[in-house]
C-alpha atoms as a PDB file:
ATOM      1  CA  MET A   1      -7.318  50.515 -49.279  1.00  0.00           C
ATOM      2  CA  PRO A   2      -9.106  47.362 -48.222  1.00  0.00           C
ATOM      3  CA  ARG A   3     -11.165  45.329 -50.604  1.00  0.00           C
ATOM      4  CA  GLN A   4     -14.855  45.324 -49.720  1.00  0.00           C
ATOM      5  CA  ALA A   5     -16.047  41.894 -50.770  1.00  0.00           C
ATOM      6  CA  ARG A   6     -18.916  41.020 -48.452  1.00  0.00           C
ATOM      7  CA  LEU A   7     -22.177  42.931 -48.157  1.00  0.00           C
ATOM      8  CA  PHE A   8     -23.406  42.829 -44.552  1.00  0.00           C
ATOM      9  CA  GLN A   9     -27.166  43.307 -44.246  1.00  0.00           C
ATOM     10  CA  ILE A  10     -27.268  43.889 -40.482  1.00  0.00           C
ATOM     11  CA  PRO A  11     -24.616  45.434 -38.225  1.00  0.00           C
ATOM     12  CA  ASP A  12     -24.521  42.454 -35.837  1.00  0.00           C
ATOM     13  CA  GLU A  13     -23.084  40.353 -38.678  1.00  0.00           C
ATOM     14  CA  VAL A  14     -20.129  42.721 -38.923  1.00  0.00           C
ATOM     15  CA  LEU A  15     -19.312  42.398 -35.225  1.00  0.00           C
ATOM     16  CA  ASP A  16     -19.572  38.608 -35.425  1.00  0.00           C
ATOM     17  CA  ALA A  17     -17.228  38.642 -38.438  1.00  0.00           C
ATOM     18  CA  TRP A  18     -14.854  41.010 -36.571  1.00  0.00           C
ATOM     19  CA  ARG A  19     -14.557  38.676 -33.598  1.00  0.00           C
ATOM     20  CA  GLU A  20     -14.174  35.644 -35.861  1.00  0.00           C
ATOM     21  CA  SER A  21     -11.424  37.302 -37.933  1.00  0.00           C
ATOM     22  CA  LEU A  22      -9.482  38.169 -34.758  1.00  0.00           C
ATOM     23  CA  HIS A  23      -9.932  34.613 -33.482  1.00  0.00           C
ATOM     24  CA  ARG A  24      -8.501  33.245 -36.759  1.00  0.00           C
ATOM     25  CA  ASN A  25      -5.626  35.795 -36.713  1.00  0.00           C
ATOM     26  CA  ASP A  26      -6.954  36.988 -40.071  1.00  0.00           C
ATOM     27  CA  LEU A  27      -5.469  40.475 -40.378  1.00  0.00           C
ATOM     28  CA  ASP A  28      -6.807  41.125 -43.886  1.00  0.00           C
ATOM     29  CA  GLY A  29     -10.259  39.844 -42.967  1.00  0.00           C
ATOM     30  CA  SER A  30     -10.424  42.112 -39.931  1.00  0.00           C
ATOM     31  CA  ILE A  31      -9.302  45.187 -41.917  1.00  0.00           C
ATOM     32  CA  ASP A  32     -11.870  44.478 -44.661  1.00  0.00           C
ATOM     33  CA  LEU A  33     -14.677  45.059 -42.141  1.00  0.00           C
ATOM     34  CA  TRP A  34     -13.815  48.740 -41.721  1.00  0.00           C
ATOM     35  CA  MET A  35     -15.133  51.680 -43.745  1.00  0.00           C
ATOM     36  CA  ASP A  36     -13.052  52.670 -46.734  1.00  0.00           C
ATOM     37  CA  GLU A  37     -12.243  56.069 -45.184  1.00  0.00           C
ATOM     38  CA  ASP A  38      -9.092  57.564 -43.703  1.00  0.00           C
ATOM     39  CA  SER A  39     -11.129  58.860 -40.745  1.00  0.00           C
ATOM     40  CA  ILE A  40     -11.629  55.434 -39.119  1.00  0.00           C
ATOM     41  CA  THR A  41     -10.380  55.235 -35.534  1.00  0.00           C
ATOM     42  CA  CYS A  42      -9.647  52.570 -32.959  1.00  0.00           C
ATOM     43  CA  ILE A  43      -8.771  53.313 -29.339  1.00  0.00           C
ATOM     44  CA  LEU A  44      -6.863  50.440 -27.737  1.00  0.00           C
ATOM     45  CA  PRO A  45      -7.364  49.490 -24.053  1.00  0.00           C
ATOM     46  CA  GLY A  46      -4.177  51.312 -23.025  1.00  0.00           C
ATOM     47  CA  GLY A  47      -5.389  54.523 -24.653  1.00  0.00           C
ATOM     48  CA  LYS A  48      -3.380  54.421 -27.903  1.00  0.00           C
ATOM     49  CA  ARG A  49      -5.339  55.896 -30.820  1.00  0.00           C
ATOM     50  CA  LEU A  50      -5.068  54.303 -34.266  1.00  0.00           C
ATOM     51  CA  THR A  51      -6.308  56.504 -37.122  1.00  0.00           C
ATOM     52  CA  GLY A  52      -6.663  55.350 -40.715  1.00  0.00           C
ATOM     53  CA  HIS A  53      -6.037  52.011 -42.371  1.00  0.00           C
ATOM     54  CA  ALA A  54      -2.231  52.052 -42.134  1.00  0.00           C
ATOM     55  CA  GLU A  55      -2.155  52.640 -38.357  1.00  0.00           C
ATOM     56  CA  LEU A  56      -5.013  50.190 -37.831  1.00  0.00           C
ATOM     57  CA  ARG A  57      -3.237  47.487 -39.842  1.00  0.00           C
ATOM     58  CA  GLU A  58       0.040  47.966 -37.936  1.00  0.00           C
ATOM     59  CA  GLY A  59      -1.713  48.004 -34.543  1.00  0.00           C
ATOM     60  CA  LEU A  60      -3.747  44.881 -35.270  1.00  0.00           C
ATOM     61  CA  LYS A  61      -0.724  43.134 -36.758  1.00  0.00           C
ATOM     62  CA  LYS A  62       1.194  43.640 -33.512  1.00  0.00           C
ATOM     63  CA  ILE A  63      -1.726  42.421 -31.381  1.00  0.00           C
ATOM     64  CA  LEU A  64      -2.321  39.328 -33.514  1.00  0.00           C
ATOM     65  CA  GLU A  65       1.404  38.479 -33.706  1.00  0.00           C
ATOM     66  CA  ASP A  66       1.690  38.507 -29.918  1.00  0.00           C
ATOM     67  CA  HIS A  67      -1.488  36.644 -28.955  1.00  0.00           C
ATOM     68  CA  PHE A  68      -4.285  34.347 -29.865  1.00  0.00           C
ATOM     69  CA  LEU A  69      -7.333  36.598 -29.352  1.00  0.00           C
ATOM     70  CA  TRP A  70     -10.802  35.355 -28.514  1.00  0.00           C
ATOM     71  CA  LEU A  71     -13.462  37.947 -27.645  1.00  0.00           C
ATOM     72  CA  ASP A  72     -16.655  36.601 -26.120  1.00  0.00           C
ATOM     73  CA  PRO A  73     -19.415  39.178 -25.531  1.00  0.00           C
ATOM     74  CA  ILE A  74     -21.132  38.696 -22.184  1.00  0.00           C
ATOM     75  CA  GLN A  75     -23.195  41.897 -22.086  1.00  0.00           C
ATOM     76  CA  ALA A  76     -24.370  43.975 -25.037  1.00  0.00           C
ATOM     77  CA  ILE A  77     -26.649  46.894 -25.766  1.00  0.00           C
ATOM     78  CA  GLY A  78     -27.231  48.081 -29.309  1.00  0.00           C
ATOM     79  CA  HIS A  79     -28.960  51.005 -30.971  1.00  0.00           C
ATOM     80  CA  THR A  80     -29.564  51.051 -34.710  1.00  0.00           C
ATOM     81  CA  GLY A  81     -30.899  53.965 -36.728  1.00  0.00           C
ATOM     82  CA  ILE A  82     -30.982  54.901 -40.371  1.00  0.00           C
ATOM     83  CA  GLY A  83     -27.451  54.310 -41.589  1.00  0.00           C
ATOM     84  CA  ILE A  84     -25.743  54.136 -38.186  1.00  0.00           C
ATOM     85  CA  ALA A  85     -25.465  51.637 -35.335  1.00  0.00           C
ATOM     86  CA  PHE A  86     -23.891  51.868 -31.872  1.00  0.00           C
ATOM     87  CA  PHE A  87     -23.031  48.933 -29.649  1.00  0.00           C
ATOM     88  CA  ASP A  88     -21.810  48.922 -26.066  1.00  0.00           C
ATOM     89  CA  THR A  89     -20.435  45.545 -24.983  1.00  0.00           C
ATOM     90  CA  THR A  90     -18.458  43.904 -22.228  1.00  0.00           C
ATOM     91  CA  GLU A  91     -16.358  41.060 -23.586  1.00  0.00           C
ATOM     92  CA  ALA A  92     -14.322  38.306 -21.977  1.00  0.00           C
ATOM     93  CA  VAL A  93     -10.811  38.093 -23.446  1.00  0.00           C
ATOM     94  CA  ARG A  94      -8.835  34.874 -23.774  1.00  0.00           C
ATOM     95  CA  LEU A  95      -5.253  34.958 -25.039  1.00  0.00           C
ATOM     96  CA  GLU A  96      -4.449  31.242 -25.338  1.00  0.00           C
ATOM     97  CA  PRO A  97      -6.221  28.718 -27.614  1.00  0.00           C
ATOM     98  CA  ASP A  98      -6.920  26.258 -24.793  1.00  0.00           C
ATOM     99  CA  GLN A  99      -7.802  28.877 -22.177  1.00  0.00           C
ATOM    100  CA  VAL A 100     -11.254  28.434 -20.610  1.00  0.00           C
ATOM    101  CA  GLU A 101     -11.361  31.243 -18.047  1.00  0.00           C
ATOM    102  CA  PRO A 102     -10.960  34.772 -19.404  1.00  0.00           C
ATOM    103  CA  GLU A 103      -7.665  36.568 -18.896  1.00  0.00           C
ATOM    104  CA  PHE A 104      -9.540  39.831 -18.340  1.00  0.00           C
ATOM    105  CA  PHE A 105     -12.603  41.766 -19.506  1.00  0.00           C
ATOM    106  CA  LEU A 106     -12.873  44.763 -21.830  1.00  0.00           C
ATOM    107  CA  ASN A 107     -15.635  47.270 -22.493  1.00  0.00           C
ATOM    108  CA  PHE A 108     -16.124  48.076 -26.169  1.00  0.00           C
ATOM    109  CA  SER A 109     -17.986  50.847 -27.930  1.00  0.00           C
ATOM    110  CA  TYR A 110     -18.555  50.091 -31.605  1.00  0.00           C
ATOM    111  CA  VAL A 111     -19.828  52.553 -34.214  1.00  0.00           C
ATOM    112  CA  LEU A 112     -20.900  51.131 -37.567  1.00  0.00           C
ATOM    113  CA  VAL A 113     -22.050  53.010 -40.655  1.00  0.00           C
ATOM    114  CA  GLN A 114     -24.146  51.712 -43.524  1.00  0.00           C
ATOM    115  CA  SER A 115     -22.815  52.452 -46.996  1.00  0.00           C
ATOM    116  CA  PRO A 116     -23.525  51.103 -50.474  1.00  0.00           C
ATOM    117  CA  MET A 117     -21.160  48.259 -49.496  1.00  0.00           C
ATOM    118  CA  GLY A 118     -23.291  47.368 -46.471  1.00  0.00           C
ATOM    119  CA  TRP A 119     -22.459  47.877 -42.806  1.00  0.00           C
ATOM    120  CA  ARG A 120     -18.841  48.681 -41.908  1.00  0.00           C
ATOM    121  CA  ILE A 121     -16.952  49.602 -38.749  1.00  0.00           C
ATOM    122  CA  ALA A 122     -16.145  53.308 -38.357  1.00  0.00           C
ATOM    123  CA  HIS A 123     -14.854  53.358 -34.776  1.00  0.00           C
ATOM    124  CA  ILE A 124     -13.983  51.025 -31.907  1.00  0.00           C
ATOM    125  CA  HIS A 125     -13.090  52.151 -28.402  1.00  0.00           C
ATOM    126  CA  ALA A 126     -11.822  49.504 -25.973  1.00  0.00           C
ATOM    127  CA  SER A 127     -11.132  50.047 -22.290  1.00  0.00           C
ATOM    128  CA  PRO A 128     -10.485  47.789 -19.297  1.00  0.00           C
ATOM    129  CA  ALA A 129     -13.621  46.639 -17.485  1.00  0.00           C
ATOM    130  CA  GLN A 130     -13.885  46.598 -13.711  1.00  0.00           C
ATOM    131  CA  GLU A 131     -14.603  42.969 -12.867  1.00  0.00           C
ATOM    132  CA  GLU A 132     -16.763  43.805  -9.853  1.00  0.00           C
ATOM    133  CA  HIS A 133     -19.311  45.407 -12.214  1.00  0.00           C
ATOM    134  CA  ILE A 134     -19.515  42.478 -14.631  1.00  0.00           C
ATOM    135  CA  GLN A 135     -22.585  40.274 -14.597  1.00  0.00           C
ATOM    136  CA  LEU A 136     -21.504  36.892 -15.894  1.00  0.00           C
ATOM    137  CA  PRO A 137     -24.116  34.673 -17.557  1.00  0.00           C
ATOM    138  CA  SER A 138     -25.937  32.474 -15.060  1.00  0.00           C
ATOM    139  CA  THR A 139     -26.072  29.456 -17.388  1.00  0.00           C
ATOM    140  CA  ILE A 140     -23.202  27.456 -18.772  1.00  0.00           C
ATOM    141  CA  HIS A 141     -22.954  27.594 -22.555  1.00  0.00           C
ATOM    142  CA  GLY A 142     -20.668  26.002 -25.095  1.00  0.00           C
ATOM    143  CA  PHE A 143     -17.893  27.666 -26.984  1.00  0.00           C
ATOM    144  CA  HIS A 144     -18.296  28.882 -30.564  1.00  0.00           C
END
Protein backbone atom coordinates (compact mmCIF):
# COMPACT_ATOMS: atom_id res chain seq x y z
CA MET A 1 0.00 0.00 0.00
CA PRO A 2 1.27 3.47 -0.77
CA ARG A 3 2.48 5.80 1.91
CA GLN A 4 0.28 8.87 2.30
CA ALA A 5 2.68 11.61 3.28
CA ARG A 6 1.20 14.84 1.95
CA LEU A 7 -2.14 16.31 2.98
CA PHE A 8 -3.74 18.06 0.00
CA GLN A 9 -6.20 20.78 1.01
CA ILE A 10 -7.80 21.27 -2.41
CA PRO A 11 -8.28 18.75 -5.22
CA ASP A 12 -6.53 20.92 -7.84
CA GLU A 13 -3.28 20.46 -5.90
CA VAL A 14 -3.53 16.70 -6.37
CA LEU A 15 -3.90 17.00 -10.14
CA ASP A 16 -0.96 19.41 -10.31
CA ALA A 17 1.12 16.95 -8.26
CA TRP A 18 -0.05 14.07 -10.52
CA ARG A 19 1.12 15.82 -13.67
CA GLU A 20 4.39 16.85 -12.04
CA SER A 21 5.12 13.31 -10.81
CA LEU A 22 4.55 11.92 -14.32
CA HIS A 23 6.78 14.63 -15.79
CA ARG A 24 9.57 13.66 -13.35
CA ASN A 25 9.04 9.92 -14.05
CA ASP A 26 8.35 9.57 -10.32
CA LEU A 27 6.44 6.29 -10.12
CA ASP A 28 6.22 6.24 -6.32
CA GLY A 29 5.15 9.88 -6.18
CA SER A 30 2.38 9.28 -8.71
CA ILE A 31 1.09 6.19 -6.86
CA ASP A 32 1.08 8.06 -3.52
CA LEU A 33 -1.59 10.41 -4.89
CA TRP A 34 -4.19 7.65 -5.14
CA MET A 35 -6.66 6.53 -2.46
CA ASP A 36 -5.49 3.72 -0.23
CA GLU A 37 -8.22 1.39 -1.56
CA ASP A 38 -8.16 -1.65 -3.81
CA SER A 39 -11.13 -0.23 -5.76
CA ILE A 40 -9.12 2.51 -7.51
CA THR A 41 -9.33 2.38 -11.31
CA CYS A 42 -7.55 3.90 -14.27
CA ILE A 43 -8.72 3.51 -17.86
CA LEU A 44 -5.87 4.04 -20.33
CA PRO A 45 -6.44 5.74 -23.73
CA GLY A 46 -6.50 2.38 -25.53
CA GLY A 47 -9.24 1.10 -23.23
CA LYS A 48 -7.16 -1.06 -20.86
CA ARG A 49 -8.54 -1.00 -17.31
CA LEU A 50 -6.14 -0.96 -14.36
CA THR A 51 -7.73 -1.87 -11.02
CA GLY A 52 -5.97 -1.64 -7.67
CA HIS A 53 -2.50 -0.49 -6.72
CA ALA A 54 -0.58 -3.44 -8.19
CA GLU A 55 -2.09 -3.08 -11.69
CA LEU A 56 -1.80 0.71 -11.52
CA ARG A 57 1.87 0.51 -10.54
CA GLU A 58 2.68 -1.95 -13.35
CA GLY A 59 0.75 0.08 -15.95
CA LEU A 60 2.37 3.37 -14.96
CA LYS A 61 5.80 1.74 -14.77
CA LYS A 62 5.48 0.60 -18.38
CA ILE A 63 4.29 4.03 -19.56
CA LEU A 64 7.06 5.89 -17.72
CA GLU A 65 9.76 3.45 -18.87
CA ASP A 66 8.81 3.97 -22.51
CA HIS A 67 8.33 7.75 -22.58
CA PHE A 68 8.95 11.11 -21.07
CA LEU A 69 5.39 12.26 -20.28
CA TRP A 70 4.30 15.88 -20.06
CA LEU A 71 0.58 16.60 -19.70
CA ASP A 72 -0.48 20.19 -20.22
CA PRO A 73 -4.17 20.95 -19.56
CA ILE A 74 -5.65 23.25 -22.19
CA GLN A 75 -9.33 22.99 -21.22
CA ALA A 76 -10.76 22.08 -17.83
CA ILE A 77 -14.09 21.99 -16.05
CA GLY A 78 -14.33 21.03 -12.40
CA HIS A 79 -17.11 20.31 -9.93
CA THR A 80 -16.39 20.00 -6.22
CA GLY A 81 -18.84 18.91 -3.55
CA ILE A 82 -18.59 17.69 0.00
CA GLY A 83 -15.90 15.04 -0.10
CA ILE A 84 -15.83 14.49 -3.87
CA ALA A 85 -14.51 16.33 -6.92
CA PHE A 86 -14.85 15.66 -10.66
CA PHE A 87 -12.69 17.17 -13.37
CA ASP A 88 -13.06 16.95 -17.13
CA THR A 89 -9.95 18.09 -18.99
CA THR A 90 -8.38 18.07 -22.42
CA GLU A 91 -4.61 17.84 -22.17
CA ALA A 92 -1.79 18.20 -24.68
CA VAL A 93 0.66 15.29 -24.49
CA ARG A 94 4.37 15.58 -25.21
CA LEU A 95 6.56 12.48 -25.20
CA GLU A 96 10.04 13.99 -25.62
CA PRO A 97 11.77 16.40 -23.20
CA ASP A 98 12.55 18.97 -25.90
CA GLN A 99 9.25 18.64 -27.75
CA VAL A 100 7.32 21.92 -28.13
CA GLU A 101 4.29 20.86 -30.16
CA PRO A 102 2.07 18.19 -28.61
CA GLU A 103 2.24 14.65 -29.97
CA PHE A 104 -1.52 14.30 -29.49
CA PHE A 105 -4.35 15.32 -27.16
CA LEU A 106 -6.22 13.29 -24.54
CA ASN A 107 -9.49 13.83 -22.71
CA PHE A 108 -9.34 12.99 -19.01
CA SER A 109 -12.04 12.45 -16.42
CA TYR A 110 -10.68 12.60 -12.88
CA VAL A 111 -12.57 11.61 -9.73
CA LEU A 112 -11.04 12.61 -6.40
CA VAL A 113 -12.27 11.77 -2.91
CA GLN A 114 -11.52 13.60 0.32
CA SER A 115 -10.41 11.42 3.21
CA PRO A 116 -8.71 12.07 6.55
CA MET A 117 -5.47 12.10 4.52
CA GLY A 118 -6.75 14.90 2.29
CA TRP A 119 -7.77 14.69 -1.36
CA ARG A 120 -6.75 11.57 -3.31
CA ILE A 121 -7.39 10.19 -6.78
CA ALA A 122 -10.04 7.45 -6.98
CA HIS A 123 -10.42 7.14 -10.76
CA ILE A 124 -8.92 8.42 -14.00
CA HIS A 125 -10.35 7.76 -17.45
CA ALA A 126 -8.26 8.83 -20.45
CA SER A 127 -9.38 8.71 -24.07
CA PRO A 128 -8.10 10.14 -27.35
CA ALA A 129 -9.36 13.64 -28.14
CA GLN A 130 -10.55 14.63 -31.59
CA GLU A 131 -8.28 17.51 -32.57
CA GLU A 132 -10.95 19.31 -34.58
CA HIS A 133 -12.90 19.88 -31.34
CA ILE A 134 -9.98 21.28 -29.35
CA GLN A 135 -9.86 24.98 -28.62
CA LEU A 136 -6.21 25.88 -28.16
CA PRO A 137 -5.35 28.89 -26.00
CA SER A 138 -5.27 32.12 -27.99
CA THR A 139 -2.27 33.54 -26.12
CA ILE A 140 1.25 32.20 -26.01
CA HIS A 141 2.35 31.16 -22.53
CA GLY A 142 5.56 29.80 -21.10
CA PHE A 143 6.24 26.27 -20.05
CA HIS A 144 6.09 25.14 -16.42
